[in-house]
């Protein structure tokens, strides 16, 4: 997978082998909020769906995952798939501390779609 900015919009470039259809699938999906972070979030959701065996291109599957995903689960998935892989040790410690002490206690049971600037200001 890759995150790319194409013609002013952030996209997730995904390719995987579909076991049911016995073929390789490659698609580009536009980030819902047209930001790099939004594309990363979408990438993590798509990877999780592929891991559990769902087709991420079925619209009902994407919406179902989006509605069920709470911050606590997303933050741990983000930490495991992105932070541990891409950051130095000191960054890993800092991000783990920030998540555990501040973000997860406050936003833990919020769904991702309910986190907005107003809830962050509180």
PDB file of N, CA and C in Angstrom:
ATOM      1  N   UNK A   1       0.840  -1.181   0.000  1.00  0.00           N
ATOM      2  CA  UNK A   1       0.000   0.000   0.000  1.00  0.00           C
ATOM      3  C   UNK A   1       0.881   1.238   0.000  1.00  0.00           C
ATOM      4  N   UNK A   2       0.309   2.288  -0.508  1.00  0.00           N
ATOM      5  CA  UNK A   2       1.026   3.557  -0.528  1.00  0.00           C
ATOM      6  C   UNK A   2       0.017   4.691  -0.421  1.00  0.00           C
ATOM      7  N   UNK A   3       0.478   5.781   0.145  1.00  0.00           N
ATOM      8  CA  UNK A   3      -0.330   6.993   0.227  1.00  0.00           C
ATOM      9  C   UNK A   3       0.300   7.985  -0.736  1.00  0.00           C
ATOM     10  N   UNK A   4      -0.510   8.538  -1.624  1.00  0.00           N
ATOM     11  CA  UNK A   4       0.020   9.438  -2.644  1.00  0.00           C
ATOM     12  C   UNK A   4      -0.872  10.670  -2.774  1.00  0.00           C
ATOM     13  N   UNK A   5      -0.248  11.762  -3.179  1.00  0.00           N
ATOM     14  CA  UNK A   5      -1.001  12.963  -3.504  1.00  0.00           C
ATOM     15  C   UNK A   5      -1.045  13.058  -5.023  1.00  0.00           C
ATOM     16  N   UNK A   6      -2.235  12.904  -5.585  1.00  0.00           N
ATOM     17  CA  UNK A   6      -2.407  12.896  -7.033  1.00  0.00           C
ATOM     18  C   UNK A   6      -3.414  13.979  -7.404  1.00  0.00           C
ATOM     19  N   UNK A   7      -2.994  14.904  -8.251  1.00  0.00           N
ATOM     20  CA  UNK A   7      -3.846  15.999  -8.712  1.00  0.00           C
ATOM     21  C   UNK A   7      -4.530  16.729  -7.554  1.00  0.00           C
ATOM     22  N   UNK A   8      -3.766  17.017  -6.522  1.00  0.00           N
ATOM     23  CA  UNK A   8      -4.273  17.800  -5.404  1.00  0.00           C
ATOM     24  C   UNK A   8      -5.092  17.024  -4.387  1.00  0.00           C
ATOM     25  N   UNK A   9      -5.243  15.706  -4.552  1.00  0.00           N
ATOM     26  CA  UNK A   9      -6.023  14.919  -3.605  1.00  0.00           C
ATOM     27  C   UNK A   9      -5.216  13.747  -3.080  1.00  0.00           C
ATOM     28  N   UNK A  10      -5.387  13.433  -1.804  1.00  0.00           N
ATOM     29  CA  UNK A  10      -4.681  12.321  -1.180  1.00  0.00           C
ATOM     30  C   UNK A  10      -5.427  11.031  -1.457  1.00  0.00           C
ATOM     31  N   UNK A  11      -4.660  10.009  -1.850  1.00  0.00           N
ATOM     32  CA  UNK A  11      -5.256   8.719  -2.199  1.00  0.00           C
ATOM     33  C   UNK A  11      -4.466   7.575  -1.573  1.00  0.00           C
ATOM     34  N   UNK A  12      -5.168   6.468  -1.343  1.00  0.00           N
ATOM     35  CA  UNK A  12      -4.540   5.233  -0.885  1.00  0.00           C
ATOM     36  C   UNK A  12      -4.469   4.305  -2.085  1.00  0.00           C
ATOM     37  N   UNK A  13      -3.281   3.877  -2.415  1.00  0.00           N
ATOM     38  CA  UNK A  13      -3.059   2.951  -3.520  1.00  0.00           C
ATOM     39  C   UNK A  13      -2.919   1.559  -2.902  1.00  0.00           C
ATOM     40  N   UNK A  14      -3.879   0.677  -3.179  1.00  0.00           N
ATOM     41  CA  UNK A  14      -3.914  -0.630  -2.528  1.00  0.00           C
ATOM     42  C   UNK A  14      -3.911  -1.732  -3.569  1.00  0.00           C
ATOM     43  N   UNK A  15      -3.138  -2.771  -3.305  1.00  0.00           N
ATOM     44  CA  UNK A  15      -3.184  -3.966  -4.144  1.00  0.00           C
ATOM     45  C   UNK A  15      -3.053  -5.176  -3.236  1.00  0.00           C
ATOM     46  N   UNK A  16      -3.865  -6.190  -3.513  1.00  0.00           N
ATOM     47  CA  UNK A  16      -3.823  -7.416  -2.731  1.00  0.00           C
ATOM     48  C   UNK A  16      -4.389  -8.556  -3.567  1.00  0.00           C
ATOM     49  N   UNK A  17      -4.171  -9.793  -3.113  1.00  0.00           N
ATOM     50  CA  UNK A  17      -4.664 -10.964  -3.816  1.00  0.00           C
ATOM     51  C   UNK A  17      -5.979 -11.386  -3.187  1.00  0.00           C
ATOM     52  N   UNK A  18      -7.047 -11.404  -3.979  1.00  0.00           N
ATOM     53  CA  UNK A  18      -8.368 -11.819  -3.507  1.00  0.00           C
ATOM     54  C   UNK A  18      -8.469 -13.334  -3.644  1.00  0.00           C
ATOM     55  N   UNK A  19      -8.577 -14.026  -2.499  1.00  0.00           N
ATOM     56  CA  UNK A  19      -8.628 -15.482  -2.483  1.00  0.00           C
ATOM     57  C   UNK A  19      -9.884 -16.023  -3.162  1.00  0.00           C
ATOM     58  N   UNK A  20     -11.011 -15.343  -2.999  1.00  0.00           N
ATOM     59  CA  UNK A  20     -12.267 -15.823  -3.593  1.00  0.00           C
ATOM     60  C   UNK A  20     -12.247 -15.737  -5.112  1.00  0.00           C
ATOM     61  N   UNK A  21     -11.773 -14.609  -5.638  1.00  0.00           N
ATOM     62  CA  UNK A  21     -11.747 -14.408  -7.091  1.00  0.00           C
ATOM     63  C   UNK A  21     -10.472 -14.951  -7.730  1.00  0.00           C
ATOM     64  N   UNK A  22      -9.484 -15.315  -6.908  1.00  0.00           N
ATOM     65  CA  UNK A  22      -8.196 -15.822  -7.379  1.00  0.00           C
ATOM     66  C   UNK A  22      -7.515 -14.845  -8.343  1.00  0.00           C
ATOM     67  N   UNK A  23      -7.515 -13.570  -7.941  1.00  0.00           N
ATOM     68  CA  UNK A  23      -6.864 -12.565  -8.781  1.00  0.00           C
ATOM     69  C   UNK A  23      -6.294 -11.444  -7.925  1.00  0.00           C
ATOM     70  N   UNK A  24      -5.321 -10.731  -8.495  1.00  0.00           N
ATOM     71  CA  UNK A  24      -4.731  -9.585  -7.819  1.00  0.00           C
ATOM     72  C   UNK A  24      -5.597  -8.369  -8.124  1.00  0.00           C
ATOM     73  N   UNK A  25      -5.912  -7.607  -7.081  1.00  0.00           N
ATOM     74  CA  UNK A  25      -6.758  -6.425  -7.222  1.00  0.00           C
ATOM     75  C   UNK A  25      -5.931  -5.197  -6.849  1.00  0.00           C
ATOM     76  N   UNK A  26      -6.029  -4.153  -7.657  1.00  0.00           N
ATOM     77  CA  UNK A  26      -5.341  -2.889  -7.367  1.00  0.00           C
ATOM     78  C   UNK A  26      -6.318  -1.747  -7.605  1.00  0.00           C
ATOM     79  N   UNK A  27      -6.450  -0.894  -6.604  1.00  0.00           N
ATOM     80  CA  UNK A  27      -7.334   0.260  -6.724  1.00  0.00           C
ATOM     81  C   UNK A  27      -6.727   1.449  -6.008  1.00  0.00           C
ATOM     82  N   UNK A  28      -7.180   2.628  -6.406  1.00  0.00           N
ATOM     83  CA  UNK A  28      -6.842   3.863  -5.700  1.00  0.00           C
ATOM     84  C   UNK A  28      -8.129   4.420  -5.135  1.00  0.00           C
ATOM     85  N   UNK A  29      -8.086   4.742  -3.849  1.00  0.00           N
ATOM     86  CA  UNK A  29      -9.271   5.261  -3.174  1.00  0.00           C
ATOM     87  C   UNK A  29      -8.940   6.640  -2.621  1.00  0.00           C
ATOM     88  N   UNK A  30      -9.796   7.597  -2.894  1.00  0.00           N
ATOM     89  CA  UNK A  30      -9.584   8.960  -2.422  1.00  0.00           C
ATOM     90  C   UNK A  30      -9.840   9.043  -0.921  1.00  0.00           C
ATOM     91  N   UNK A  31      -9.002   9.788  -0.234  1.00  0.00           N
ATOM     92  CA  UNK A  31      -9.174  10.007   1.200  1.00  0.00           C
ATOM     93  C   UNK A  31     -10.481  10.756   1.449  1.00  0.00           C
ATOM     94  N   UNK A  32     -11.273  10.326   2.443  1.00  0.00           N
ATOM     95  CA  UNK A  32     -12.565  10.974   2.687  1.00  0.00           C
ATOM     96  C   UNK A  32     -12.453  12.456   3.038  1.00  0.00           C
ATOM     97  N   UNK A  33     -11.403  12.842   3.744  1.00  0.00           N
ATOM     98  CA  UNK A  33     -11.269  14.252   4.117  1.00  0.00           C
ATOM     99  C   UNK A  33     -10.132  14.950   3.382  1.00  0.00           C
ATOM    100  N   UNK A  34      -9.582  14.308   2.348  1.00  0.00           N
ATOM    101  CA  UNK A  34      -8.556  14.882   1.489  1.00  0.00           C
ATOM    102  C   UNK A  34      -7.349  15.406   2.264  1.00  0.00           C
ATOM    103  N   UNK A  35      -6.859  14.568   3.200  1.00  0.00           N
ATOM    104  CA  UNK A  35      -5.649  14.921   3.943  1.00  0.00           C
ATOM    105  C   UNK A  35      -4.755  13.688   4.047  1.00  0.00           C
ATOM    106  N   UNK A  36      -3.500  13.913   4.349  1.00  0.00           N
ATOM    107  CA  UNK A  36      -2.560  12.806   4.490  1.00  0.00           C
ATOM    108  C   UNK A  36      -2.960  11.912   5.658  1.00  0.00           C
ATOM    109  N   UNK A  37      -3.352  12.529   6.773  1.00  0.00           N
ATOM    110  CA  UNK A  37      -3.771  11.743   7.934  1.00  0.00           C
ATOM    111  C   UNK A  37      -5.040  10.956   7.643  1.00  0.00           C
ATOM    112  N   UNK A  38      -5.953  11.550   6.900  1.00  0.00           N
ATOM    113  CA  UNK A  38      -7.162  10.833   6.511  1.00  0.00           C
ATOM    114  C   UNK A  38      -6.842   9.638   5.640  1.00  0.00           C
ATOM    115  N   UNK A  39      -5.866   9.793   4.753  1.00  0.00           N
ATOM    116  CA  UNK A  39      -5.444   8.682   3.898  1.00  0.00           C
ATOM    117  C   UNK A  39      -4.787   7.587   4.724  1.00  0.00           C
ATOM    118  N   UNK A  40      -4.001   7.965   5.721  1.00  0.00           N
ATOM    119  CA  UNK A  40      -3.382   6.959   6.605  1.00  0.00           C
ATOM    120  C   UNK A  40      -4.446   6.186   7.374  1.00  0.00           C
ATOM    121  N   UNK A  41      -5.439   6.905   7.872  1.00  0.00           N
ATOM    122  CA  UNK A  41      -6.528   6.258   8.600  1.00  0.00           C
ATOM    123  C   UNK A  41      -7.253   5.268   7.696  1.00  0.00           C
ATOM    124  N   UNK A  42      -7.547   5.683   6.489  1.00  0.00           N
ATOM    125  CA  UNK A  42      -8.219   4.810   5.533  1.00  0.00           C
ATOM    126  C   UNK A  42      -7.351   3.598   5.218  1.00  0.00           C
ATOM    127  N   UNK A  43      -6.056   3.816   5.070  1.00  0.00           N
ATOM    128  CA  UNK A  43      -5.135   2.720   4.788  1.00  0.00           C
ATOM    129  C   UNK A  43      -5.167   1.680   5.905  1.00  0.00           C
ATOM    130  N   UNK A  44      -5.162   2.120   7.147  1.00  0.00           N
ATOM    131  CA  UNK A  44      -5.199   1.207   8.287  1.00  0.00           C
ATOM    132  C   UNK A  44      -6.510   0.426   8.305  1.00  0.00           C
ATOM    133  N   UNK A  45      -7.622   1.101   8.024  1.00  0.00           N
ATOM    134  CA  UNK A  45      -8.917   0.420   7.978  1.00  0.00           C
ATOM    135  C   UNK A  45      -8.942  -0.633   6.878  1.00  0.00           C
ATOM    136  N   UNK A  46      -8.418  -0.295   5.707  1.00  0.00           N
ATOM    137  CA  UNK A  46      -8.406  -1.242   4.596  1.00  0.00           C
ATOM    138  C   UNK A  46      -7.526  -2.449   4.895  1.00  0.00           C
ATOM    139  N   UNK A  47      -6.357  -2.212   5.495  1.00  0.00           N
ATOM    140  CA  UNK A  47      -5.467  -3.315   5.863  1.00  0.00           C
ATOM    141  C   UNK A  47      -6.139  -4.253   6.866  1.00  0.00           C
ATOM    142  N   UNK A  48      -6.835  -3.685   7.831  1.00  0.00           N
ATOM    143  CA  UNK A  48      -7.534  -4.498   8.825  1.00  0.00           C
ATOM    144  C   UNK A  48      -8.617  -5.344   8.165  1.00  0.00           C
ATOM    145  N   UNK A  49      -9.353  -4.773   7.238  1.00  0.00           N
ATOM    146  CA  UNK A  49     -10.400  -5.522   6.546  1.00  0.00           C
ATOM    147  C   UNK A  49      -9.799  -6.669   5.734  1.00  0.00           C
ATOM    148  N   UNK A  50      -8.695  -6.420   5.070  1.00  0.00           N
ATOM    149  CA  UNK A  50      -8.039  -7.472   4.294  1.00  0.00           C
ATOM    150  C   UNK A  50      -7.544  -8.568   5.222  1.00  0.00           C
ATOM    151  N   UNK A  51      -6.998  -8.163   6.370  1.00  0.00           N
ATOM    152  CA  UNK A  51      -6.472  -9.134   7.331  1.00  0.00           C
ATOM    153  C   UNK A  51      -7.549 -10.085   7.833  1.00  0.00           C
ATOM    154  N   UNK A  52      -8.765  -9.594   8.058  1.00  0.00           N
ATOM    155  CA  UNK A  52      -9.847 -10.448   8.561  1.00  0.00           C
ATOM    156  C   UNK A  52     -10.626 -11.126   7.438  1.00  0.00           C
ATOM    157  N   UNK A  53     -10.250 -10.875   6.185  1.00  0.00           N
ATOM    158  CA  UNK A  53     -10.849 -11.583   5.070  1.00  0.00           C
ATOM    159  C   UNK A  53     -12.038 -10.913   4.408  1.00  0.00           C
ATOM    160  N   UNK A  54     -12.292  -9.647   4.707  1.00  0.00           N
ATOM    161  CA  UNK A  54     -13.389  -8.930   4.060  1.00  0.00           C
ATOM    162  C   UNK A  54     -12.880  -8.219   2.814  1.00  0.00           C
ATOM    163  N   UNK A  55     -13.764  -8.021   1.861  1.00  0.00           N
ATOM    164  CA  UNK A  55     -13.421  -7.273   0.660  1.00  0.00           C
ATOM    165  C   UNK A  55     -13.575  -5.782   0.972  1.00  0.00           C
ATOM    166  N   UNK A  56     -12.474  -5.027   0.979  1.00  0.00           N
ATOM    167  CA  UNK A  56     -12.576  -3.615   1.362  1.00  0.00           C
ATOM    168  C   UNK A  56     -13.277  -2.748   0.337  1.00  0.00           C
ATOM    169  N   UNK A  57     -13.552  -3.291  -0.848  1.00  0.00           N
ATOM    170  CA  UNK A  57     -14.166  -2.490  -1.889  1.00  0.00           C
ATOM    171  C   UNK A  57     -15.683  -2.615  -1.916  1.00  0.00           C
ATOM    172  N   UNK A  58     -16.246  -3.478  -1.066  1.00  0.00           N
ATOM    173  CA  UNK A  58     -17.694  -3.503  -0.904  1.00  0.00           C
ATOM    174  C   UNK A  58     -18.066  -2.314  -0.043  1.00  0.00           C
ATOM    175  N   UNK A  59     -18.914  -1.449  -0.545  1.00  0.00           N
ATOM    176  CA  UNK A  59     -19.251  -0.212   0.165  1.00  0.00           C
ATOM    177  C   UNK A  59     -19.819  -0.507   1.542  1.00  0.00           C
ATOM    178  N   UNK A  60     -20.646  -1.535   1.665  1.00  0.00           N
ATOM    179  CA  UNK A  60     -21.241  -1.843   2.973  1.00  0.00           C
ATOM    180  C   UNK A  60     -20.183  -2.256   3.986  1.00  0.00           C
ATOM    181  N   UNK A  61     -19.123  -2.952   3.560  1.00  0.00           N
ATOM    182  CA  UNK A  61     -18.053  -3.327   4.477  1.00  0.00           C
ATOM    183  C   UNK A  61     -17.277  -2.109   4.957  1.00  0.00           C
ATOM    184  N   UNK A  62     -16.984  -1.165   4.068  1.00  0.00           N
ATOM    185  CA  UNK A  62     -16.253   0.038   4.477  1.00  0.00           C
ATOM    186  C   UNK A  62     -17.063   0.836   5.475  1.00  0.00           C
ATOM    187  N   UNK A  63     -18.366   1.028   5.204  1.00  0.00           N
ATOM    188  CA  UNK A  63     -19.201   1.807   6.106  1.00  0.00           C
ATOM    189  C   UNK A  63     -19.342   1.118   7.452  1.00  0.00           C
ATOM    190  N   UNK A  64     -19.476  -0.210   7.436  1.00  0.00           N
ATOM    191  CA  UNK A  64     -19.623  -0.965   8.680  1.00  0.00           C
ATOM    192  C   UNK A  64     -18.388  -0.807   9.551  1.00  0.00           C
ATOM    193  N   UNK A  65     -17.199  -0.927   8.960  1.00  0.00           N
ATOM    194  CA  UNK A  65     -15.966  -0.778   9.725  1.00  0.00           C
ATOM    195  C   UNK A  65     -15.824   0.642  10.240  1.00  0.00           C
ATOM    196  N   UNK A  66     -16.162   1.616   9.429  1.00  0.00           N
ATOM    197  CA  UNK A  66     -16.037   3.015   9.830  1.00  0.00           C
ATOM    198  C   UNK A  66     -16.914   3.307  11.047  1.00  0.00           C
ATOM    199  N   UNK A  67     -18.134   2.780  11.066  1.00  0.00           N
ATOM    200  CA  UNK A  67     -19.048   3.047  12.166  1.00  0.00           C
ATOM    201  C   UNK A  67     -18.640   2.339  13.451  1.00  0.00           C
ATOM    202  N   UNK A  68     -18.015   1.182  13.343  1.00  0.00           N
ATOM    203  CA  UNK A  68     -17.665   0.410  14.531  1.00  0.00           C
ATOM    204  C   UNK A  68     -16.316   0.789  15.125  1.00  0.00           C
ATOM    205  N   UNK A  69     -15.460   1.416  14.352  1.00  0.00           N
ATOM    206  CA  UNK A  69     -14.098   1.653  14.790  1.00  0.00           C
ATOM    207  C   UNK A  69     -14.052   2.720  15.873  1.00  0.00           C
ATOM    208  N   UNK A  70     -13.601   2.321  17.052  1.00  0.00           N
ATOM    209  CA  UNK A  70     -13.470   3.287  18.140  1.00  0.00           C
ATOM    210  C   UNK A  70     -12.004   3.682  18.271  1.00  0.00           C
ATOM    211  N   UNK A  71     -11.785   4.826  18.906  1.00  0.00           N
ATOM    212  CA  UNK A  71     -10.445   5.404  18.975  1.00  0.00           C
ATOM    213  C   UNK A  71      -9.450   4.461  19.645  1.00  0.00           C
ATOM    214  N   UNK A  72      -9.855   3.789  20.707  1.00  0.00           N
ATOM    215  CA  UNK A  72      -8.947   2.915  21.439  1.00  0.00           C
ATOM    216  C   UNK A  72      -8.385   1.823  20.525  1.00  0.00           C
ATOM    217  N   UNK A  73      -9.247   1.218  19.717  1.00  0.00           N
ATOM    218  CA  UNK A  73      -8.819   0.160  18.806  1.00  0.00           C
ATOM    219  C   UNK A  73      -7.969   0.744  17.678  1.00  0.00           C
ATOM    220  N   UNK A  74      -8.430   1.866  17.123  1.00  0.00           N
ATOM    221  CA  UNK A  74      -7.688   2.495  16.039  1.00  0.00           C
ATOM    222  C   UNK A  74      -6.292   2.917  16.493  1.00  0.00           C
ATOM    223  N   UNK A  75      -6.189   3.511  17.692  1.00  0.00           N
ATOM    224  CA  UNK A  75      -4.889   4.005  18.146  1.00  0.00           C
ATOM    225  C   UNK A  75      -3.903   2.854  18.332  1.00  0.00           C
ATOM    226  N   UNK A  76      -4.366   1.720  18.830  1.00  0.00           N
ATOM    227  CA  UNK A  76      -3.467   0.582  19.008  1.00  0.00           C
ATOM    228  C   UNK A  76      -3.042   0.011  17.657  1.00  0.00           C
ATOM    229  N   UNK A  77      -3.973  -0.070  16.728  1.00  0.00           N
ATOM    230  CA  UNK A  77      -3.651  -0.540  15.380  1.00  0.00           C
ATOM    231  C   UNK A  77      -2.662   0.411  14.705  1.00  0.00           C
ATOM    232  N   UNK A  78      -2.887   1.709  14.849  1.00  0.00           N
ATOM    233  CA  UNK A  78      -1.978   2.713  14.295  1.00  0.00           C
ATOM    234  C   UNK A  78      -0.589   2.567  14.913  1.00  0.00           C
ATOM    235  N   UNK A  79      -0.549   2.366  16.215  1.00  0.00           N
ATOM    236  CA  UNK A  79       0.728   2.235  16.910  1.00  0.00           C
ATOM    237  C   UNK A  79       1.492   1.012  16.406  1.00  0.00           C
ATOM    238  N   UNK A  80       0.794  -0.121  16.278  1.00  0.00           N
ATOM    239  CA  UNK A  80       1.453  -1.358  15.849  1.00  0.00           C
ATOM    240  C   UNK A  80       1.887  -1.311  14.382  1.00  0.00           C
ATOM    241  N   UNK A  81       1.043  -0.768  13.519  1.00  0.00           N
ATOM    242  CA  UNK A  81       1.341  -0.831  12.088  1.00  0.00           C
ATOM    243  C   UNK A  81       2.167   0.335  11.571  1.00  0.00           C
ATOM    244  N   UNK A  82       2.115   1.467  12.246  1.00  0.00           N
ATOM    245  CA  UNK A  82       2.834   2.629  11.728  1.00  0.00           C
ATOM    246  C   UNK A  82       3.963   3.079  12.659  1.00  0.00           C
ATOM    247  N   UNK A  83       3.646   3.358  13.905  1.00  0.00           N
ATOM    248  CA  UNK A  83       4.637   3.945  14.812  1.00  0.00           C
ATOM    249  C   UNK A  83       5.811   2.999  15.030  1.00  0.00           C
ATOM    250  N   UNK A  84       5.539   1.727  15.343  1.00  0.00           N
ATOM    251  CA  UNK A  84       6.637   0.790  15.598  1.00  0.00           C
ATOM    252  C   UNK A  84       7.501   0.553  14.362  1.00  0.00           C
ATOM    253  N   UNK A  85       6.912   0.692  13.194  1.00  0.00           N
ATOM    254  CA  UNK A  85       7.644   0.426  11.957  1.00  0.00           C
ATOM    255  C   UNK A  85       8.419   1.645  11.470  1.00  0.00           C
ATOM    256  N   UNK A  86       7.859   2.829  11.609  1.00  0.00           N
ATOM    257  CA  UNK A  86       8.420   4.011  10.953  1.00  0.00           C
ATOM    258  C   UNK A  86       9.185   4.974  11.868  1.00  0.00           C
ATOM    259  N   UNK A  87       9.111   4.808  13.192  1.00  0.00           N
ATOM    260  CA  UNK A  87       9.698   5.795  14.082  1.00  0.00           C
ATOM    261  C   UNK A  87      10.910   5.273  14.837  1.00  0.00           C
ATOM    262  N   UNK A  88      11.741   6.222  15.280  1.00  0.00           N
ATOM    263  CA  UNK A  88      12.880   5.899  16.130  1.00  0.00           C
ATOM    264  C   UNK A  88      12.378   5.547  17.526  1.00  0.00           C
ATOM    265  N   UNK A  89      13.255   4.958  18.318  1.00  0.00           N
ATOM    266  CA  UNK A  89      12.885   4.514  19.656  1.00  0.00           C
ATOM    267  C   UNK A  89      12.342   5.657  20.518  1.00  0.00           C
ATOM    268  N   UNK A  90      12.985   6.802  20.487  1.00  0.00           N
ATOM    269  CA  UNK A  90      12.534   7.926  21.319  1.00  0.00           C
ATOM    270  C   UNK A  90      11.150   8.413  20.896  1.00  0.00           C
ATOM    271  N   UNK A  91      10.864   8.411  19.595  1.00  0.00           N
ATOM    272  CA  UNK A  91       9.531   8.789  19.093  1.00  0.00           C
ATOM    273  C   UNK A  91       8.484   7.771  19.531  1.00  0.00           C
ATOM    274  N   UNK A  92       8.848   6.499  19.490  1.00  0.00           N
ATOM    275  CA  UNK A  92       7.926   5.439  19.909  1.00  0.00           C
ATOM    276  C   UNK A  92       7.530   5.636  21.367  1.00  0.00           C
ATOM    277  N   UNK A  93       8.515   5.916  22.213  1.00  0.00           N
ATOM    278  CA  UNK A  93       8.239   6.127  23.640  1.00  0.00           C
ATOM    279  C   UNK A  93       7.351   7.351  23.835  1.00  0.00           C
ATOM    280  N   UNK A  94       7.650   8.435  23.137  1.00  0.00           N
ATOM    281  CA  UNK A  94       6.851   9.653  23.259  1.00  0.00           C
ATOM    282  C   UNK A  94       5.414   9.460  22.805  1.00  0.00           C
ATOM    283  N   UNK A  95       5.220   8.780  21.685  1.00  0.00           N
ATOM    284  CA  UNK A  95       3.866   8.556  21.180  1.00  0.00           C
ATOM    285  C   UNK A  95       3.087   7.591  22.065  1.00  0.00           C
ATOM    286  N   UNK A  96       3.764   6.563  22.592  1.00  0.00           N
ATOM    287  CA  UNK A  96       3.089   5.627  23.497  1.00  0.00           C
ATOM    288  C   UNK A  96       2.620   6.367  24.752  1.00  0.00           C
ATOM    289  N   UNK A  97       3.481   7.226  25.296  1.00  0.00           N
ATOM    290  CA  UNK A  97       3.152   8.010  26.483  1.00  0.00           C
ATOM    291  C   UNK A  97       1.966   8.938  26.209  1.00  0.00           C
ATOM    292  N   UNK A  98       1.977   9.621  25.077  1.00  0.00           N
ATOM    293  CA  UNK A  98       0.894  10.543  24.716  1.00  0.00           C
ATOM    294  C   UNK A  98      -0.432   9.792  24.578  1.00  0.00           C
ATOM    295  N   UNK A  99      -0.378   8.637  23.917  1.00  0.00           N
ATOM    296  CA  UNK A  99      -1.602   7.844  23.765  1.00  0.00           C
ATOM    297  C   UNK A  99      -2.123   7.360  25.118  1.00  0.00           C
ATOM    298  N   UNK A 100      -1.240   6.757  25.917  1.00  0.00           N
ATOM    299  CA  UNK A 100      -1.669   6.146  27.183  1.00  0.00           C
ATOM    300  C   UNK A 100      -2.115   7.153  28.234  1.00  0.00           C
ATOM    301  N   UNK A 101      -1.433   8.293  28.313  1.00  0.00           N
ATOM    302  CA  UNK A 101      -1.734   9.257  29.375  1.00  0.00           C
ATOM    303  C   UNK A 101      -2.825  10.260  29.023  1.00  0.00           C
ATOM    304  N   UNK A 102      -2.939  10.614  27.749  1.00  0.00           N
ATOM    305  CA  UNK A 102      -3.832  11.709  27.396  1.00  0.00           C
ATOM    306  C   UNK A 102      -4.951  11.322  26.425  1.00  0.00           C
ATOM    307  N   UNK A 103      -4.591  10.722  25.310  1.00  0.00           N
ATOM    308  CA  UNK A 103      -5.575  10.529  24.247  1.00  0.00           C
ATOM    309  C   UNK A 103      -6.544   9.377  24.517  1.00  0.00           C
ATOM    310  N   UNK A 104      -6.033   8.189  24.853  1.00  0.00           N
ATOM    311  CA  UNK A 104      -6.922   7.039  25.070  1.00  0.00           C
ATOM    312  C   UNK A 104      -7.833   7.239  26.283  1.00  0.00           C
ATOM    313  N   UNK A 105      -7.354   7.796  27.411  1.00  0.00           N
ATOM    314  CA  UNK A 105      -8.299   8.007  28.512  1.00  0.00           C
ATOM    315  C   UNK A 105      -9.458   8.936  28.145  1.00  0.00           C
ATOM    316  N   UNK A 106      -9.221   9.924  27.298  1.00  0.00           N
ATOM    317  CA  UNK A 106     -10.287  10.855  26.951  1.00  0.00           C
ATOM    318  C   UNK A 106     -11.121  10.363  25.772  1.00  0.00           C
ATOM    319  N   UNK A 107     -10.468   9.962  24.677  1.00  0.00           N
ATOM    320  CA  UNK A 107     -11.176   9.587  23.455  1.00  0.00           C
ATOM    321  C   UNK A 107     -11.405   8.085  23.318  1.00  0.00           C
ATOM    322  N   UNK A 108     -11.027   7.284  24.301  1.00  0.00           N
ATOM    323  CA  UNK A 108     -11.037   5.831  24.194  1.00  0.00           C
ATOM    324  C   UNK A 108     -12.270   5.211  23.586  1.00  0.00           C
ATOM    325  N   UNK A 109     -13.466   5.609  24.032  1.00  0.00           N
ATOM    326  CA  UNK A 109     -14.693   4.981  23.546  1.00  0.00           C
ATOM    327  C   UNK A 109     -15.413   5.803  22.480  1.00  0.00           C
ATOM    328  N   UNK A 110     -14.809   6.877  22.011  1.00  0.00           N
ATOM    329  CA  UNK A 110     -15.389   7.659  20.919  1.00  0.00           C
ATOM    330  C   UNK A 110     -15.227   6.881  19.620  1.00  0.00           C
ATOM    331  N   UNK A 111     -16.217   6.951  18.736  1.00  0.00           N
ATOM    332  CA  UNK A 111     -16.002   6.437  17.383  1.00  0.00           C
ATOM    333  C   UNK A 111     -15.205   7.501  16.628  1.00  0.00           C
ATOM    334  N   UNK A 112     -14.481   7.066  15.615  1.00  0.00           N
ATOM    335  CA  UNK A 112     -13.632   8.020  14.887  1.00  0.00           C
ATOM    336  C   UNK A 112     -14.444   9.128  14.242  1.00  0.00           C
ATOM    337  N   UNK A 113     -15.647   8.817  13.804  1.00  0.00           N
ATOM    338  CA  UNK A 113     -16.452   9.857  13.158  1.00  0.00           C
ATOM    339  C   UNK A 113     -16.982  10.880  14.156  1.00  0.00           C
ATOM    340  N   UNK A 114     -16.968  10.565  15.455  1.00  0.00           N
ATOM    341  CA  UNK A 114     -17.442  11.510  16.466  1.00  0.00           C
ATOM    342  C   UNK A 114     -16.342  12.411  17.012  1.00  0.00           C
ATOM    343  N   UNK A 115     -15.115  12.184  16.614  1.00  0.00           N
ATOM    344  CA  UNK A 115     -14.008  13.038  17.055  1.00  0.00           C
ATOM    345  C   UNK A 115     -13.918  14.194  16.062  1.00  0.00           C
ATOM    346  N   UNK A 116     -14.140  15.394  16.567  1.00  0.00           N
ATOM    347  CA  UNK A 116     -14.127  16.591  15.737  1.00  0.00           C
ATOM    348  C   UNK A 116     -13.439  17.705  16.498  1.00  0.00           C
ATOM    349  N   UNK A 117     -13.232  18.872  15.884  1.00  0.00           N
ATOM    350  CA  UNK A 117     -12.552  19.957  16.589  1.00  0.00           C
ATOM    351  C   UNK A 117     -13.217  20.356  17.907  1.00  0.00           C
ATOM    352  N   UNK A 118     -14.527  20.266  17.957  1.00  0.00           N
ATOM    353  CA  UNK A 118     -15.241  20.636  19.189  1.00  0.00           C
ATOM    354  C   UNK A 118     -14.903  19.661  20.323  1.00  0.00           C
ATOM    355  N   UNK A 119     -14.880  18.359  20.040  1.00  0.00           N
ATOM    356  CA  UNK A 119     -14.542  17.384  21.085  1.00  0.00           C
ATOM    357  C   UNK A 119     -13.082  17.478  21.475  1.00  0.00           C
ATOM    358  N   UNK A 120     -12.213  17.867  20.552  1.00  0.00           N
ATOM    359  CA  UNK A 120     -10.783  18.006  20.859  1.00  0.00           C
ATOM    360  C   UNK A 120     -10.567  19.218  21.775  1.00  0.00           C
ATOM    361  N   UNK A 121     -11.322  20.299  21.571  1.00  0.00           N
ATOM    362  CA  UNK A 121     -11.183  21.505  22.400  1.00  0.00           C
ATOM    363  C   UNK A 121     -11.564  21.256  23.851  1.00  0.00           C
ATOM    364  N   UNK A 122     -12.442  20.279  24.087  1.00  0.00           N
ATOM    365  CA  UNK A 122     -12.835  19.978  25.472  1.00  0.00           C
ATOM    366  C   UNK A 122     -11.660  19.399  26.160  1.00  0.00           C
TER     367      UNK A 122
END
